[in-house]
Amino acid sequence: EDAIRNQYEWLIQRCGGPSLYTERKGHPGLLGNHGSFDVTEAGAERWLLHMERAVAETPMPDSSLVAPDKAREVLVDFFRHTAH
């Protein structure tokens, strides 16, 4: 449950929303917060798989700024960069 909340608040903040994660846990630095964990390539790929599935299953609003398919592509690219 904590992991879900952390992920949710981190993503909201990274997408320009309120600083929920920082207010509760401090700076969202990936290495600082995960340095004590043995994050393997397999673990990073597993996280990425979950993020890709979430993006695929989440309805994207059709806006004049970004088409839904482009929004999905941008999110998945961001997650790939974050995972590696």
N, C-alpha and C. Protein backbone atom coordinates (compact mmCIF):
# COMPACT_ATOMS: atom_id res chain seq x y z
N GLU A 1 0.82 -1.19 0.00
CA GLU A 1 0.00 0.00 0.00
C GLU A 1 0.86 1.26 0.00
N ASP A 2 1.95 1.27 0.78
CA ASP A 2 2.85 2.42 0.78
C ASP A 2 3.48 2.61 -0.59
N ALA A 3 3.84 1.51 -1.24
CA ALA A 3 4.48 1.61 -2.56
C ALA A 3 3.52 2.22 -3.57
N ILE A 4 2.26 1.86 -3.50
CA ILE A 4 1.27 2.42 -4.42
C ILE A 4 1.12 3.92 -4.18
N ARG A 5 1.03 4.31 -2.93
CA ARG A 5 0.90 5.74 -2.60
C ARG A 5 2.15 6.50 -3.05
N ASN A 6 3.32 5.94 -2.77
CA ASN A 6 4.56 6.59 -3.19
C ASN A 6 4.60 6.78 -4.70
N GLN A 7 4.28 5.72 -5.43
CA GLN A 7 4.30 5.78 -6.89
C GLN A 7 3.29 6.82 -7.41
N TYR A 8 2.11 6.81 -6.85
CA TYR A 8 1.06 7.75 -7.25
C TYR A 8 1.51 9.20 -7.02
N GLU A 9 1.97 9.48 -5.82
CA GLU A 9 2.36 10.85 -5.48
C GLU A 9 3.58 11.29 -6.29
N TRP A 10 4.51 10.38 -6.52
CA TRP A 10 5.70 10.70 -7.32
C TRP A 10 5.28 11.05 -8.74
N LEU A 11 4.41 10.24 -9.33
CA LEU A 11 3.99 10.47 -10.71
C LEU A 11 3.20 11.77 -10.85
N ILE A 12 2.30 12.03 -9.92
CA ILE A 12 1.55 13.28 -9.95
C ILE A 12 2.51 14.46 -9.92
N GLN A 13 3.49 14.40 -9.05
CA GLN A 13 4.47 15.49 -8.92
C GLN A 13 5.31 15.62 -10.19
N ARG A 14 5.79 14.50 -10.74
CA ARG A 14 6.63 14.54 -11.94
C ARG A 14 5.88 15.07 -13.15
N CYS A 15 4.56 14.92 -13.15
CA CYS A 15 3.75 15.40 -14.27
C CYS A 15 3.26 16.84 -14.06
N GLY A 16 3.80 17.51 -13.05
CA GLY A 16 3.47 18.91 -12.85
C GLY A 16 2.39 19.19 -11.83
N GLY A 17 1.93 18.16 -11.16
CA GLY A 17 0.91 18.35 -10.14
C GLY A 17 1.51 18.81 -8.83
N PRO A 18 0.71 18.80 -7.78
CA PRO A 18 1.19 19.24 -6.47
C PRO A 18 2.32 18.36 -5.95
N SER A 19 3.14 18.91 -5.10
CA SER A 19 4.32 18.23 -4.57
C SER A 19 3.97 17.28 -3.41
N LEU A 20 3.04 16.40 -3.66
CA LEU A 20 2.58 15.47 -2.63
C LEU A 20 3.71 14.60 -2.11
N TYR A 21 4.51 14.07 -3.02
CA TYR A 21 5.60 13.17 -2.62
C TYR A 21 6.63 13.91 -1.77
N THR A 22 7.07 15.06 -2.24
CA THR A 22 8.08 15.83 -1.53
C THR A 22 7.58 16.27 -0.16
N GLU A 23 6.34 16.68 -0.07
CA GLU A 23 5.78 17.11 1.21
C GLU A 23 5.78 15.99 2.24
N ARG A 24 5.59 14.77 1.79
CA ARG A 24 5.49 13.64 2.72
C ARG A 24 6.82 12.92 2.92
N LYS A 25 7.63 12.81 1.87
CA LYS A 25 8.83 11.96 1.95
C LYS A 25 10.14 12.70 1.69
N GLY A 26 10.08 13.95 1.27
CA GLY A 26 11.30 14.67 0.94
C GLY A 26 11.61 14.58 -0.54
N HIS A 27 12.80 15.00 -0.90
CA HIS A 27 13.20 15.06 -2.31
C HIS A 27 13.03 13.70 -2.98
N PRO A 28 12.44 13.69 -4.20
CA PRO A 28 12.18 12.42 -4.86
C PRO A 28 13.36 11.88 -5.66
N GLY A 29 14.58 12.08 -5.19
CA GLY A 29 15.75 11.59 -5.91
C GLY A 29 15.77 10.07 -5.99
N LEU A 30 15.82 9.55 -7.20
CA LEU A 30 15.77 8.11 -7.43
C LEU A 30 16.91 7.38 -6.73
N LEU A 31 18.13 7.83 -6.95
CA LEU A 31 19.28 7.13 -6.36
C LEU A 31 19.30 7.26 -4.84
N GLY A 32 18.98 8.45 -4.34
CA GLY A 32 18.98 8.64 -2.90
C GLY A 32 17.94 7.79 -2.19
N ASN A 33 16.78 7.64 -2.80
CA ASN A 33 15.69 6.89 -2.17
C ASN A 33 15.79 5.39 -2.41
N HIS A 34 16.52 4.98 -3.43
CA HIS A 34 16.59 3.56 -3.76
C HIS A 34 18.00 3.00 -3.65
N GLY A 35 18.94 3.80 -3.17
CA GLY A 35 20.33 3.38 -3.09
C GLY A 35 20.57 2.19 -2.19
N SER A 36 19.73 2.01 -1.19
CA SER A 36 19.91 0.88 -0.27
C SER A 36 19.31 -0.43 -0.82
N PHE A 37 18.61 -0.34 -1.94
CA PHE A 37 18.01 -1.53 -2.55
C PHE A 37 18.90 -2.04 -3.67
N ASP A 38 18.92 -3.34 -3.84
CA ASP A 38 19.66 -3.95 -4.93
C ASP A 38 18.73 -3.99 -6.14
N VAL A 39 18.63 -2.88 -6.86
CA VAL A 39 17.76 -2.80 -8.02
C VAL A 39 18.50 -3.39 -9.21
N THR A 40 18.02 -4.53 -9.66
CA THR A 40 18.65 -5.24 -10.77
C THR A 40 18.02 -4.82 -12.10
N GLU A 41 18.65 -5.22 -13.16
CA GLU A 41 18.07 -4.99 -14.50
C GLU A 41 16.71 -5.66 -14.60
N ALA A 42 16.59 -6.86 -14.05
CA ALA A 42 15.31 -7.57 -14.08
C ALA A 42 14.24 -6.81 -13.29
N GLY A 43 14.63 -6.23 -12.15
CA GLY A 43 13.70 -5.44 -11.36
C GLY A 43 13.25 -4.19 -12.08
N ALA A 44 14.19 -3.54 -12.75
CA ALA A 44 13.85 -2.34 -13.52
C ALA A 44 12.90 -2.69 -14.66
N GLU A 45 13.15 -3.81 -15.32
CA GLU A 45 12.28 -4.25 -16.41
C GLU A 45 10.89 -4.62 -15.90
N ARG A 46 10.83 -5.22 -14.72
CA ARG A 46 9.52 -5.56 -14.14
C ARG A 46 8.73 -4.29 -13.83
N TRP A 47 9.38 -3.29 -13.25
CA TRP A 47 8.72 -2.02 -12.96
C TRP A 47 8.24 -1.39 -14.27
N LEU A 48 9.09 -1.41 -15.28
CA LEU A 48 8.73 -0.83 -16.57
C LEU A 48 7.54 -1.55 -17.18
N LEU A 49 7.49 -2.86 -17.07
CA LEU A 49 6.35 -3.62 -17.58
C LEU A 49 5.06 -3.17 -16.92
N HIS A 50 5.08 -2.98 -15.58
CA HIS A 50 3.89 -2.52 -14.87
C HIS A 50 3.49 -1.12 -15.32
N MET A 51 4.46 -0.25 -15.53
CA MET A 51 4.15 1.11 -15.97
C MET A 51 3.57 1.11 -17.38
N GLU A 52 4.14 0.29 -18.27
CA GLU A 52 3.61 0.20 -19.63
C GLU A 52 2.18 -0.32 -19.64
N ARG A 53 1.90 -1.32 -18.81
CA ARG A 53 0.54 -1.85 -18.72
C ARG A 53 -0.43 -0.80 -18.19
N ALA A 54 0.01 -0.06 -17.18
CA ALA A 54 -0.85 0.99 -16.62
C ALA A 54 -1.17 2.05 -17.66
N VAL A 55 -0.18 2.44 -18.43
CA VAL A 55 -0.40 3.44 -19.48
C VAL A 55 -1.36 2.90 -20.53
N ALA A 56 -1.19 1.64 -20.92
CA ALA A 56 -2.06 1.04 -21.93
C ALA A 56 -3.51 0.93 -21.46
N GLU A 57 -3.70 0.72 -20.16
CA GLU A 57 -5.04 0.52 -19.61
C GLU A 57 -5.73 1.81 -19.18
N THR A 58 -4.99 2.90 -19.12
CA THR A 58 -5.56 4.16 -18.63
C THR A 58 -6.15 4.97 -19.77
N PRO A 59 -7.42 5.34 -19.66
CA PRO A 59 -8.01 6.18 -20.71
C PRO A 59 -7.28 7.54 -20.77
N MET A 60 -6.96 7.95 -21.96
CA MET A 60 -6.31 9.24 -22.15
C MET A 60 -7.31 10.20 -22.79
N PRO A 61 -7.46 11.38 -22.21
CA PRO A 61 -8.39 12.34 -22.82
C PRO A 61 -7.86 12.81 -24.15
N ASP A 62 -8.74 12.99 -25.08
CA ASP A 62 -8.36 13.51 -26.39
C ASP A 62 -8.38 15.03 -26.30
N SER A 63 -7.22 15.63 -26.44
CA SER A 63 -7.15 17.10 -26.35
C SER A 63 -6.53 17.63 -27.63
N SER A 64 -6.68 18.91 -27.82
CA SER A 64 -6.10 19.53 -29.01
C SER A 64 -4.59 19.69 -28.86
N LEU A 65 -4.07 19.53 -27.63
CA LEU A 65 -2.64 19.69 -27.41
C LEU A 65 -1.86 18.42 -27.74
N VAL A 66 -2.35 17.28 -27.27
CA VAL A 66 -1.64 16.02 -27.46
C VAL A 66 -2.65 14.91 -27.73
N ALA A 67 -2.43 14.18 -28.79
CA ALA A 67 -3.29 13.04 -29.11
C ALA A 67 -3.04 11.93 -28.08
N PRO A 68 -4.06 11.12 -27.77
CA PRO A 68 -3.89 10.06 -26.77
C PRO A 68 -2.71 9.13 -27.04
N ASP A 69 -2.52 8.72 -28.29
CA ASP A 69 -1.40 7.83 -28.61
C ASP A 69 -0.06 8.50 -28.36
N LYS A 70 0.04 9.79 -28.66
CA LYS A 70 1.28 10.52 -28.41
C LYS A 70 1.52 10.66 -26.90
N ALA A 71 0.47 10.91 -26.14
CA ALA A 71 0.60 11.01 -24.69
C ALA A 71 1.12 9.69 -24.11
N ARG A 72 0.59 8.57 -24.60
CA ARG A 72 1.06 7.26 -24.14
C ARG A 72 2.54 7.06 -24.49
N GLU A 73 2.90 7.44 -25.71
CA GLU A 73 4.29 7.29 -26.15
C GLU A 73 5.24 8.11 -25.27
N VAL A 74 4.86 9.33 -24.96
CA VAL A 74 5.69 10.19 -24.13
C VAL A 74 5.84 9.60 -22.72
N LEU A 75 4.76 9.13 -22.15
CA LEU A 75 4.81 8.53 -20.82
C LEU A 75 5.70 7.29 -20.79
N VAL A 76 5.54 6.41 -21.76
CA VAL A 76 6.34 5.19 -21.79
C VAL A 76 7.82 5.53 -21.99
N ASP A 77 8.13 6.51 -22.85
CA ASP A 77 9.52 6.94 -23.03
C ASP A 77 10.09 7.47 -21.72
N PHE A 78 9.30 8.25 -20.99
CA PHE A 78 9.73 8.77 -19.70
C PHE A 78 10.03 7.63 -18.73
N PHE A 79 9.15 6.64 -18.68
CA PHE A 79 9.35 5.51 -17.79
C PHE A 79 10.59 4.70 -18.18
N ARG A 80 10.80 4.52 -19.49
CA ARG A 80 12.01 3.80 -19.95
C ARG A 80 13.26 4.52 -19.49
N HIS A 81 13.27 5.83 -19.65
CA HIS A 81 14.42 6.62 -19.22
C HIS A 81 14.62 6.51 -17.71
N THR A 82 13.54 6.55 -16.96
CA THR A 82 13.62 6.45 -15.51
C THR A 82 14.13 5.08 -15.06
N ALA A 83 13.72 4.03 -15.75
CA ALA A 83 14.09 2.67 -15.36
C ALA A 83 15.56 2.36 -15.63
N HIS A 84 16.15 3.06 -16.58
CA HIS A 84 17.54 2.72 -16.95
C HIS A 84 18.41 3.90 -16.76
